[in-house]
N, C-alpha and C. Protein backbone atom coordinates (compact mmCIF):
# COMPACT_ATOMS: atom_id res chain seq x y z
N UNK A 1 -10.64 9.39 -34.35
CA UNK A 1 -10.95 10.63 -33.66
C UNK A 1 -10.30 10.59 -32.27
N UNK A 2 -9.69 11.68 -31.88
CA UNK A 2 -9.04 11.71 -30.57
C UNK A 2 -9.60 12.85 -29.73
N UNK A 3 -9.50 12.67 -28.43
CA UNK A 3 -9.90 13.70 -27.48
C UNK A 3 -8.63 14.40 -27.03
N UNK A 4 -8.66 15.71 -26.99
CA UNK A 4 -7.47 16.46 -26.58
C UNK A 4 -7.72 17.14 -25.25
N UNK A 5 -6.68 17.19 -24.44
CA UNK A 5 -6.76 17.91 -23.17
C UNK A 5 -5.37 18.42 -22.79
N UNK A 6 -5.37 19.52 -22.06
CA UNK A 6 -4.12 20.17 -21.64
C UNK A 6 -3.89 19.90 -20.16
N UNK A 7 -2.68 19.51 -19.82
CA UNK A 7 -2.29 19.28 -18.43
C UNK A 7 -1.32 20.39 -18.04
N UNK A 8 -1.63 21.11 -16.98
CA UNK A 8 -0.73 22.16 -16.49
C UNK A 8 0.29 21.53 -15.53
N UNK A 9 1.46 22.10 -15.48
CA UNK A 9 2.49 21.58 -14.57
C UNK A 9 2.11 21.81 -13.11
N UNK A 10 1.27 22.79 -12.86
CA UNK A 10 0.86 23.11 -11.49
C UNK A 10 -0.41 22.37 -11.06
N UNK A 11 -0.91 21.50 -11.90
CA UNK A 11 -2.18 20.82 -11.61
C UNK A 11 -2.07 19.94 -10.38
N UNK A 12 -3.07 20.04 -9.51
CA UNK A 12 -3.14 19.23 -8.29
C UNK A 12 -4.59 18.80 -8.09
N UNK A 13 -4.79 17.61 -7.55
CA UNK A 13 -6.12 17.19 -7.13
C UNK A 13 -7.11 16.89 -8.23
N UNK A 14 -6.64 16.51 -9.41
CA UNK A 14 -7.53 16.19 -10.52
C UNK A 14 -7.40 14.70 -10.83
N UNK A 15 -8.53 14.05 -11.03
CA UNK A 15 -8.57 12.63 -11.36
C UNK A 15 -9.21 12.49 -12.73
N UNK A 16 -8.54 11.78 -13.64
CA UNK A 16 -9.09 11.52 -14.97
C UNK A 16 -9.38 10.02 -15.08
N UNK A 17 -10.55 9.71 -15.62
CA UNK A 17 -10.97 8.31 -15.76
C UNK A 17 -11.17 8.00 -17.24
N UNK A 18 -10.62 6.88 -17.67
CA UNK A 18 -10.72 6.41 -19.05
C UNK A 18 -11.20 4.97 -19.05
N UNK A 19 -11.88 4.59 -20.11
CA UNK A 19 -12.23 3.19 -20.33
C UNK A 19 -11.20 2.63 -21.30
N UNK A 20 -10.72 1.42 -21.04
CA UNK A 20 -9.77 0.76 -21.94
C UNK A 20 -10.55 -0.27 -22.75
N UNK A 21 -10.70 -0.02 -24.02
CA UNK A 21 -11.50 -0.89 -24.89
C UNK A 21 -10.61 -1.95 -25.54
N UNK A 22 -10.19 -2.91 -24.72
CA UNK A 22 -9.35 -4.01 -25.19
C UNK A 22 -9.82 -5.30 -24.55
N UNK A 23 -9.59 -6.43 -25.22
CA UNK A 23 -9.90 -7.71 -24.57
C UNK A 23 -8.93 -7.96 -23.41
N UNK A 24 -9.37 -8.76 -22.48
CA UNK A 24 -8.59 -9.07 -21.28
C UNK A 24 -7.17 -9.52 -21.60
N UNK A 25 -6.99 -10.30 -22.67
CA UNK A 25 -5.66 -10.83 -23.02
C UNK A 25 -4.67 -9.73 -23.43
N UNK A 26 -5.17 -8.60 -23.90
CA UNK A 26 -4.30 -7.54 -24.40
C UNK A 26 -3.99 -6.46 -23.37
N UNK A 27 -4.66 -6.50 -22.23
CA UNK A 27 -4.51 -5.44 -21.22
C UNK A 27 -3.09 -5.35 -20.68
N UNK A 28 -2.50 -6.46 -20.30
CA UNK A 28 -1.16 -6.41 -19.69
C UNK A 28 -0.14 -5.81 -20.65
N UNK A 29 -0.16 -6.21 -21.88
CA UNK A 29 0.79 -5.69 -22.88
C UNK A 29 0.58 -4.19 -23.08
N UNK A 30 -0.68 -3.75 -23.06
CA UNK A 30 -1.00 -2.34 -23.29
C UNK A 30 -0.60 -1.47 -22.10
N UNK A 31 -0.78 -1.98 -20.89
CA UNK A 31 -0.59 -1.15 -19.70
C UNK A 31 0.78 -1.27 -19.05
N UNK A 32 1.63 -2.19 -19.52
CA UNK A 32 2.94 -2.40 -18.92
C UNK A 32 4.03 -1.75 -19.77
N UNK A 33 4.89 -0.99 -19.09
CA UNK A 33 6.02 -0.38 -19.78
C UNK A 33 7.10 -1.44 -19.98
N UNK A 34 7.51 -1.62 -21.22
CA UNK A 34 8.54 -2.62 -21.55
C UNK A 34 9.91 -2.13 -21.09
N UNK A 35 10.84 -3.06 -20.96
CA UNK A 35 12.21 -2.71 -20.59
C UNK A 35 12.87 -1.78 -21.60
N UNK A 36 12.38 -1.79 -22.82
CA UNK A 36 12.92 -0.91 -23.87
C UNK A 36 12.37 0.51 -23.77
N UNK A 37 11.41 0.71 -22.84
CA UNK A 37 10.80 2.02 -22.69
C UNK A 37 9.49 2.15 -23.47
N UNK A 38 9.21 1.19 -24.31
CA UNK A 38 7.97 1.22 -25.08
C UNK A 38 6.78 1.03 -24.13
N UNK A 39 5.78 1.91 -24.27
CA UNK A 39 4.62 1.86 -23.40
C UNK A 39 3.39 2.26 -24.19
N UNK A 40 2.66 1.30 -24.72
CA UNK A 40 1.51 1.60 -25.57
C UNK A 40 0.48 2.53 -24.91
N UNK A 41 0.27 2.39 -23.61
CA UNK A 41 -0.70 3.25 -22.93
C UNK A 41 -0.27 4.71 -22.98
N UNK A 42 1.02 4.98 -22.79
CA UNK A 42 1.52 6.35 -22.86
C UNK A 42 1.31 6.90 -24.26
N UNK A 43 1.54 6.07 -25.27
CA UNK A 43 1.33 6.51 -26.65
C UNK A 43 -0.13 6.81 -26.91
N UNK A 44 -1.05 5.99 -26.39
CA UNK A 44 -2.49 6.20 -26.59
C UNK A 44 -2.97 7.45 -25.87
N UNK A 45 -2.30 7.82 -24.79
CA UNK A 45 -2.62 9.07 -24.10
C UNK A 45 -2.02 10.27 -24.82
N UNK A 46 -0.95 10.04 -25.57
CA UNK A 46 -0.24 11.14 -26.20
C UNK A 46 0.57 11.92 -25.17
N UNK A 47 0.93 11.27 -24.07
CA UNK A 47 1.64 11.93 -22.97
C UNK A 47 3.14 11.88 -23.20
N UNK A 48 3.81 13.01 -22.96
CA UNK A 48 5.27 12.99 -23.07
C UNK A 48 5.92 12.53 -21.77
N UNK A 49 5.18 12.65 -20.65
CA UNK A 49 5.71 12.20 -19.37
C UNK A 49 4.58 11.53 -18.59
N UNK A 50 4.85 10.32 -18.09
CA UNK A 50 3.85 9.57 -17.34
C UNK A 50 4.57 8.72 -16.30
N UNK A 51 4.16 8.84 -15.04
CA UNK A 51 4.79 8.10 -13.94
C UNK A 51 3.98 6.84 -13.65
N UNK A 52 4.57 5.71 -13.89
CA UNK A 52 3.86 4.43 -13.74
C UNK A 52 3.38 4.18 -12.32
N UNK A 53 4.06 4.74 -11.33
CA UNK A 53 3.67 4.52 -9.94
C UNK A 53 2.29 5.09 -9.63
N UNK A 54 1.82 6.04 -10.43
CA UNK A 54 0.53 6.66 -10.17
C UNK A 54 -0.55 6.23 -11.16
N UNK A 55 -0.24 5.30 -12.03
CA UNK A 55 -1.20 4.81 -13.02
C UNK A 55 -1.98 3.66 -12.40
N UNK A 56 -3.31 3.78 -12.39
CA UNK A 56 -4.16 2.72 -11.85
C UNK A 56 -4.97 2.09 -12.97
N UNK A 57 -4.75 0.83 -13.21
CA UNK A 57 -5.56 0.07 -14.16
C UNK A 57 -6.46 -0.83 -13.32
N UNK A 58 -7.76 -0.65 -13.47
CA UNK A 58 -8.71 -1.35 -12.62
C UNK A 58 -9.53 -2.33 -13.45
N UNK A 59 -9.48 -3.59 -13.06
CA UNK A 59 -10.38 -4.59 -13.62
C UNK A 59 -11.68 -4.41 -12.85
N UNK A 60 -12.69 -3.86 -13.50
CA UNK A 60 -13.93 -3.52 -12.81
C UNK A 60 -14.55 -4.76 -12.17
N UNK A 61 -14.37 -5.90 -12.76
CA UNK A 61 -14.90 -7.15 -12.21
C UNK A 61 -14.27 -7.45 -10.85
N UNK A 62 -13.00 -7.06 -10.66
CA UNK A 62 -12.32 -7.31 -9.39
C UNK A 62 -12.88 -6.47 -8.24
N UNK A 63 -13.66 -5.45 -8.54
CA UNK A 63 -14.25 -4.62 -7.49
C UNK A 63 -15.38 -5.35 -6.77
N UNK A 64 -15.85 -6.45 -7.36
CA UNK A 64 -16.92 -7.23 -6.72
C UNK A 64 -18.21 -6.43 -6.65
N UNK A 65 -18.75 -6.32 -5.44
CA UNK A 65 -20.01 -5.59 -5.24
C UNK A 65 -19.83 -4.08 -5.25
N UNK A 66 -18.60 -3.62 -5.18
CA UNK A 66 -18.35 -2.17 -5.17
C UNK A 66 -18.41 -1.64 -6.60
N UNK A 67 -19.10 -0.53 -6.77
CA UNK A 67 -19.17 0.09 -8.10
C UNK A 67 -17.90 0.91 -8.34
N UNK A 68 -17.65 1.26 -9.59
CA UNK A 68 -16.48 2.08 -9.92
C UNK A 68 -16.60 3.45 -9.26
N UNK A 69 -17.80 4.03 -9.25
CA UNK A 69 -17.97 5.34 -8.62
C UNK A 69 -17.68 5.27 -7.12
N UNK A 70 -18.10 4.19 -6.48
CA UNK A 70 -17.82 4.03 -5.05
C UNK A 70 -16.33 3.85 -4.81
N UNK A 71 -15.66 3.13 -5.71
CA UNK A 71 -14.21 2.99 -5.61
C UNK A 71 -13.53 4.36 -5.69
N UNK A 72 -13.97 5.21 -6.61
CA UNK A 72 -13.37 6.54 -6.75
C UNK A 72 -13.62 7.39 -5.51
N UNK A 73 -14.77 7.23 -4.90
CA UNK A 73 -15.06 7.95 -3.65
C UNK A 73 -14.12 7.46 -2.55
N UNK A 74 -14.01 6.14 -2.41
CA UNK A 74 -13.18 5.58 -1.34
C UNK A 74 -11.69 5.81 -1.56
N UNK A 75 -11.22 5.61 -2.77
CA UNK A 75 -9.78 5.67 -3.05
C UNK A 75 -9.26 7.08 -3.28
N UNK A 76 -10.09 7.94 -3.87
CA UNK A 76 -9.61 9.27 -4.26
C UNK A 76 -10.43 10.41 -3.66
N UNK A 77 -11.43 10.08 -2.85
CA UNK A 77 -12.26 11.10 -2.20
C UNK A 77 -12.91 12.02 -3.23
N UNK A 78 -13.27 11.47 -4.39
CA UNK A 78 -13.89 12.26 -5.45
C UNK A 78 -15.32 12.60 -5.03
N UNK A 79 -15.73 13.83 -5.30
CA UNK A 79 -17.09 14.27 -4.99
C UNK A 79 -17.44 15.42 -5.92
N UNK A 80 -18.54 16.06 -5.67
CA UNK A 80 -18.94 17.22 -6.47
C UNK A 80 -20.08 16.90 -7.41
N UNK A 81 -20.72 17.94 -7.91
CA UNK A 81 -21.89 17.80 -8.79
C UNK A 81 -21.54 17.09 -10.09
N UNK A 82 -20.39 17.41 -10.68
CA UNK A 82 -19.98 16.75 -11.94
C UNK A 82 -19.84 15.24 -11.73
N UNK A 83 -19.24 14.87 -10.63
CA UNK A 83 -19.06 13.45 -10.33
C UNK A 83 -20.41 12.77 -10.10
N UNK A 84 -21.27 13.41 -9.32
CA UNK A 84 -22.59 12.82 -9.05
C UNK A 84 -23.36 12.59 -10.34
N UNK A 85 -23.26 13.54 -11.28
CA UNK A 85 -23.96 13.41 -12.56
C UNK A 85 -23.41 12.26 -13.40
N UNK A 86 -22.15 11.88 -13.19
CA UNK A 86 -21.50 10.84 -14.00
C UNK A 86 -21.54 9.45 -13.35
N UNK A 87 -22.05 9.34 -12.15
CA UNK A 87 -21.99 8.06 -11.43
C UNK A 87 -22.66 6.93 -12.20
N UNK A 88 -23.80 7.20 -12.81
CA UNK A 88 -24.50 6.15 -13.56
C UNK A 88 -23.66 5.67 -14.73
N UNK A 89 -23.05 6.60 -15.43
CA UNK A 89 -22.20 6.24 -16.57
C UNK A 89 -20.97 5.46 -16.11
N UNK A 90 -20.35 5.90 -15.03
CA UNK A 90 -19.18 5.19 -14.49
C UNK A 90 -19.55 3.77 -14.08
N UNK A 91 -20.69 3.63 -13.43
CA UNK A 91 -21.09 2.32 -12.92
C UNK A 91 -21.55 1.37 -14.02
N UNK A 92 -21.82 1.90 -15.21
CA UNK A 92 -22.23 1.06 -16.34
C UNK A 92 -21.04 0.48 -17.09
N UNK A 93 -19.83 0.97 -16.80
CA UNK A 93 -18.64 0.48 -17.51
C UNK A 93 -18.35 -0.98 -17.14
N UNK A 94 -17.84 -1.71 -18.11
CA UNK A 94 -17.38 -3.08 -17.88
C UNK A 94 -15.97 -3.19 -18.43
N UNK A 95 -15.27 -4.22 -18.03
CA UNK A 95 -13.91 -4.41 -18.54
C UNK A 95 -12.90 -3.72 -17.65
N UNK A 96 -12.11 -2.83 -18.24
CA UNK A 96 -11.01 -2.19 -17.51
C UNK A 96 -11.14 -0.67 -17.58
N UNK A 97 -10.77 -0.03 -16.46
CA UNK A 97 -10.76 1.43 -16.39
C UNK A 97 -9.34 1.87 -16.05
N UNK A 98 -9.00 3.05 -16.52
CA UNK A 98 -7.71 3.67 -16.23
C UNK A 98 -7.98 4.92 -15.42
N UNK A 99 -7.37 5.02 -14.25
CA UNK A 99 -7.54 6.18 -13.38
C UNK A 99 -6.18 6.87 -13.26
N UNK A 100 -6.16 8.15 -13.63
CA UNK A 100 -4.91 8.92 -13.60
C UNK A 100 -5.07 10.16 -12.73
N UNK A 101 -4.45 10.17 -11.55
CA UNK A 101 -4.43 11.40 -10.76
C UNK A 101 -3.39 12.36 -11.33
N UNK A 102 -3.44 13.59 -10.91
CA UNK A 102 -2.51 14.62 -11.41
C UNK A 102 -1.05 14.20 -11.31
N UNK A 103 -0.68 13.49 -10.24
CA UNK A 103 0.71 13.08 -10.04
C UNK A 103 1.21 12.19 -11.16
N UNK A 104 0.33 11.51 -11.86
CA UNK A 104 0.74 10.59 -12.93
C UNK A 104 1.44 11.33 -14.06
N UNK A 105 1.18 12.63 -14.19
CA UNK A 105 1.76 13.40 -15.29
C UNK A 105 3.07 14.09 -14.89
N UNK A 106 3.59 13.74 -13.71
CA UNK A 106 4.93 14.15 -13.29
C UNK A 106 5.12 15.66 -13.24
N UNK A 107 4.06 16.40 -12.94
CA UNK A 107 4.12 17.87 -12.86
C UNK A 107 4.72 18.46 -14.13
N UNK A 108 4.41 17.84 -15.27
CA UNK A 108 4.93 18.29 -16.56
C UNK A 108 3.79 18.85 -17.39
N UNK A 109 3.94 20.07 -17.85
CA UNK A 109 2.92 20.65 -18.73
C UNK A 109 2.96 19.91 -20.06
N UNK A 110 1.79 19.44 -20.49
CA UNK A 110 1.73 18.66 -21.72
C UNK A 110 0.32 18.65 -22.28
N UNK A 111 0.25 18.41 -23.57
CA UNK A 111 -1.02 18.28 -24.26
C UNK A 111 -1.23 16.81 -24.59
N UNK A 112 -2.38 16.28 -24.17
CA UNK A 112 -2.70 14.90 -24.45
C UNK A 112 -3.59 14.82 -25.69
N UNK A 113 -3.41 13.79 -26.46
CA UNK A 113 -4.28 13.47 -27.60
C UNK A 113 -4.71 12.02 -27.40
N UNK A 114 -5.83 11.84 -26.72
CA UNK A 114 -6.30 10.51 -26.35
C UNK A 114 -6.80 9.78 -27.59
N UNK A 115 -6.30 8.57 -27.81
CA UNK A 115 -6.72 7.80 -28.98
C UNK A 115 -7.06 6.37 -28.56
N UNK A 116 -7.59 5.59 -29.50
CA UNK A 116 -7.97 4.20 -29.24
C UNK A 116 -6.77 3.42 -28.73
N UNK A 117 -6.96 2.57 -27.81
CA UNK A 117 -8.19 2.01 -27.27
C UNK A 117 -8.72 2.73 -26.04
N UNK A 118 -8.23 3.94 -25.76
CA UNK A 118 -8.70 4.68 -24.59
C UNK A 118 -9.89 5.56 -24.97
N UNK A 119 -10.84 5.63 -24.05
CA UNK A 119 -11.98 6.53 -24.23
C UNK A 119 -12.13 7.30 -22.93
N UNK A 120 -12.07 8.62 -23.04
CA UNK A 120 -12.18 9.47 -21.86
C UNK A 120 -13.60 9.41 -21.32
N UNK A 121 -13.73 9.20 -20.02
CA UNK A 121 -15.04 9.13 -19.38
C UNK A 121 -15.33 10.41 -18.62
N UNK A 122 -14.36 10.88 -17.84
CA UNK A 122 -14.61 12.10 -17.08
C UNK A 122 -13.38 12.57 -16.33
N UNK A 123 -13.42 13.84 -15.96
CA UNK A 123 -12.36 14.46 -15.16
C UNK A 123 -13.02 15.01 -13.91
N UNK A 124 -12.48 14.65 -12.76
CA UNK A 124 -13.10 15.02 -11.49
C UNK A 124 -12.05 15.62 -10.56
N UNK A 125 -12.53 16.44 -9.64
CA UNK A 125 -11.63 17.09 -8.68
C UNK A 125 -11.74 16.43 -7.32
N UNK A 126 -10.58 16.25 -6.71
CA UNK A 126 -10.57 15.84 -5.31
C UNK A 126 -10.90 17.08 -4.50
N UNK A 127 -11.53 16.94 -3.34
CA UNK A 127 -11.85 18.14 -2.56
C UNK A 127 -10.58 18.84 -2.10
N UNK A 128 -10.64 20.16 -2.11
CA UNK A 128 -9.51 20.95 -1.64
C UNK A 128 -9.55 21.01 -0.11
N UNK A 129 -8.41 20.83 0.49
CA UNK A 129 -8.32 20.84 1.94
C UNK A 129 -8.27 22.28 2.43
N UNK A 130 -9.16 22.60 3.34
CA UNK A 130 -9.16 23.94 3.93
C UNK A 130 -8.04 24.01 4.96
N UNK A 131 -7.14 24.95 4.78
CA UNK A 131 -6.01 25.09 5.70
C UNK A 131 -6.08 26.42 6.43
N UNK A 132 -7.16 26.59 7.15
CA UNK A 132 -7.32 27.82 7.92
C UNK A 132 -6.84 27.53 9.34
N UNK A 133 -5.88 28.29 9.78
CA UNK A 133 -5.34 28.10 11.12
C UNK A 133 -5.21 29.45 11.79
N UNK A 134 -5.44 29.47 13.07
CA UNK A 134 -5.27 30.71 13.80
C UNK A 134 -3.79 30.93 14.07
N UNK A 135 -3.34 32.17 13.98
CA UNK A 135 -1.92 32.44 14.21
C UNK A 135 -1.53 32.13 15.66
N UNK A 136 -0.31 31.67 15.85
CA UNK A 136 0.22 31.41 17.18
C UNK A 136 0.69 32.74 17.76
N UNK A 137 0.23 33.03 18.97
CA UNK A 137 0.53 34.33 19.56
C UNK A 137 1.37 34.24 20.84
N UNK A 138 2.16 33.21 20.99
CA UNK A 138 3.00 33.10 22.18
C UNK A 138 4.32 33.83 21.95
N UNK A 139 5.01 34.14 23.04
CA UNK A 139 6.30 34.83 22.94
C UNK A 139 7.33 33.98 22.21
N UNK A 140 7.29 32.67 22.42
CA UNK A 140 8.28 31.81 21.78
C UNK A 140 8.07 31.74 20.27
N UNK A 141 6.87 32.03 19.79
CA UNK A 141 6.60 31.99 18.35
C UNK A 141 7.09 33.25 17.65
N UNK A 142 7.37 34.29 18.42
CA UNK A 142 7.82 35.55 17.82
C UNK A 142 9.24 35.46 17.30
N UNK A 143 10.07 34.65 17.93
CA UNK A 143 11.43 34.48 17.46
C UNK A 143 12.35 35.60 17.90
N UNK A 144 13.62 35.45 17.58
CA UNK A 144 14.64 36.42 17.95
C UNK A 144 15.45 36.75 16.72
N UNK A 145 15.69 38.04 16.50
CA UNK A 145 16.51 38.46 15.37
C UNK A 145 17.77 39.09 15.93
N UNK A 146 18.92 38.73 15.38
CA UNK A 146 20.19 39.31 15.81
C UNK A 146 20.82 38.48 16.91
N UNK A 147 21.72 39.12 17.68
CA UNK A 147 22.42 38.41 18.75
C UNK A 147 21.67 38.58 20.05
N UNK A 148 21.97 37.72 20.99
CA UNK A 148 21.34 37.78 22.29
C UNK A 148 21.92 38.97 23.04
N UNK A 149 21.05 39.77 23.60
CA UNK A 149 21.51 40.96 24.32
C UNK A 149 22.28 40.57 25.57
N UNK A 150 23.41 41.24 25.80
CA UNK A 150 24.19 41.03 27.00
C UNK A 150 25.16 39.87 26.94
N UNK A 151 25.03 39.01 25.99
CA UNK A 151 25.92 37.86 25.91
C UNK A 151 27.09 38.13 24.98
N UNK A 152 28.21 37.48 25.24
CA UNK A 152 29.36 37.68 24.36
C UNK A 152 29.12 36.99 23.01
N UNK A 153 29.71 37.56 21.99
CA UNK A 153 29.60 36.92 20.68
C UNK A 153 30.52 35.70 20.67
N UNK A 154 30.09 34.63 20.05
CA UNK A 154 30.93 33.42 20.04
C UNK A 154 32.25 33.66 19.31
N UNK A 155 33.32 33.09 19.86
CA UNK A 155 34.64 33.24 19.25
C UNK A 155 34.94 32.02 18.41
N UNK A 156 35.68 32.24 17.37
CA UNK A 156 36.10 31.09 16.56
C UNK A 156 37.32 30.47 17.22
N UNK A 157 37.50 29.21 17.05
CA UNK A 157 38.62 28.48 17.64
C UNK A 157 39.75 28.36 16.65
N UNK A 158 40.35 29.49 16.29
CA UNK A 158 41.44 29.49 15.32
C UNK A 158 42.63 28.71 15.85
N UNK A 159 42.93 28.86 17.13
CA UNK A 159 44.07 28.15 17.72
C UNK A 159 43.91 26.64 17.60
N UNK A 160 42.70 26.16 17.83
CA UNK A 160 42.44 24.73 17.71
C UNK A 160 42.66 24.26 16.28
N UNK A 161 42.22 25.03 15.30
CA UNK A 161 42.40 24.66 13.89
C UNK A 161 43.88 24.65 13.50
N UNK A 162 44.67 25.56 14.07
CA UNK A 162 46.11 25.59 13.78
C UNK A 162 46.76 24.33 14.32
N UNK A 163 46.42 23.93 15.54
CA UNK A 163 47.00 22.73 16.14
C UNK A 163 46.62 21.49 15.33
N UNK A 164 45.36 21.37 14.94
CA UNK A 164 44.91 20.22 14.15
C UNK A 164 45.63 20.19 12.80
N UNK A 165 45.73 21.35 12.16
CA UNK A 165 46.41 21.42 10.86
C UNK A 165 47.87 21.02 10.96
N UNK A 166 48.56 21.51 11.97
CA UNK A 166 49.97 21.17 12.13
C UNK A 166 50.15 19.70 12.48
N UNK A 167 49.23 19.14 13.28
CA UNK A 167 49.38 17.73 13.65
C UNK A 167 49.17 16.81 12.44
N UNK A 168 48.53 17.30 11.41
CA UNK A 168 48.39 16.52 10.18
C UNK A 168 49.56 16.79 9.25
N UNK A 169 49.97 18.04 9.11
CA UNK A 169 51.01 18.41 8.16
C UNK A 169 52.41 17.91 8.56
N UNK A 170 52.76 17.96 9.83
CA UNK A 170 54.11 17.55 10.26
C UNK A 170 54.34 16.06 9.99
N UNK A 171 53.45 15.14 10.41
CA UNK A 171 53.70 13.73 10.07
C UNK A 171 53.70 13.49 8.56
N UNK A 172 52.87 14.21 7.83
CA UNK A 172 52.84 14.06 6.39
C UNK A 172 54.17 14.50 5.78
N UNK A 173 54.75 15.58 6.26
CA UNK A 173 56.04 16.06 5.76
C UNK A 173 57.15 15.05 6.08
N UNK A 174 57.09 14.42 7.25
CA UNK A 174 58.10 13.42 7.62
C UNK A 174 58.01 12.21 6.70
N UNK A 175 56.80 11.75 6.41
CA UNK A 175 56.62 10.58 5.52
C UNK A 175 57.12 10.90 4.13
N UNK A 176 56.81 12.06 3.62
CA UNK A 176 57.25 12.45 2.27
C UNK A 176 58.78 12.56 2.23
N UNK A 177 59.39 13.14 3.28
CA UNK A 177 60.84 13.29 3.31
C UNK A 177 61.52 11.92 3.32
N UNK A 178 61.00 10.95 4.03
CA UNK A 178 61.60 9.62 4.08
C UNK A 178 61.58 8.94 2.71
N UNK A 179 60.45 9.08 2.00
CA UNK A 179 60.35 8.45 0.69
C UNK A 179 61.23 9.14 -0.34
N UNK A 180 61.41 10.42 -0.25
CA UNK A 180 62.23 11.12 -1.24
C UNK A 180 63.72 10.94 -0.97
N UNK A 181 64.12 10.70 0.27
CA UNK A 181 65.53 10.51 0.59
C UNK A 181 65.99 9.09 0.28
N UNK A 182 65.12 8.14 0.27
CA UNK A 182 65.51 6.74 0.00
C UNK A 182 65.58 6.46 -1.45
């Protein structure tokens, strides 16, 4: 049985958490992309695009006294009612967890079909940053459109370009003439 989910290309600020149901000895092989491109974790996700730089595999035991839910709060600023309701379940996990932020899917629209050994635990949102700013009302912020009043329009230096062009072409013509006459 697999869990299916849709990833939009415009998705931002979403964190997905999975449990990896494998023995410790098999984790590295499952989570590491081989030089041949083979990547069992990508296959288990059913993902057509996955960026390894954003894939987090967490050995829950390595967190020490920190719970998995506290790690998600500290590392990803996860919050909200859905997350609070899942904290007990997250903290009961043992072994390895897979944390995938939106960036892991490379802004590629895709349908995932999650299969063994992955088990989806939850999807959580990072808080949206409020970007309310007051408009700048200074004269310098207004800008200028067109040319400066009263000033002359800049002239092109055509004469300079002619001199530069001739200083390159004349020596080049002399060199070519010497080689063709010999």
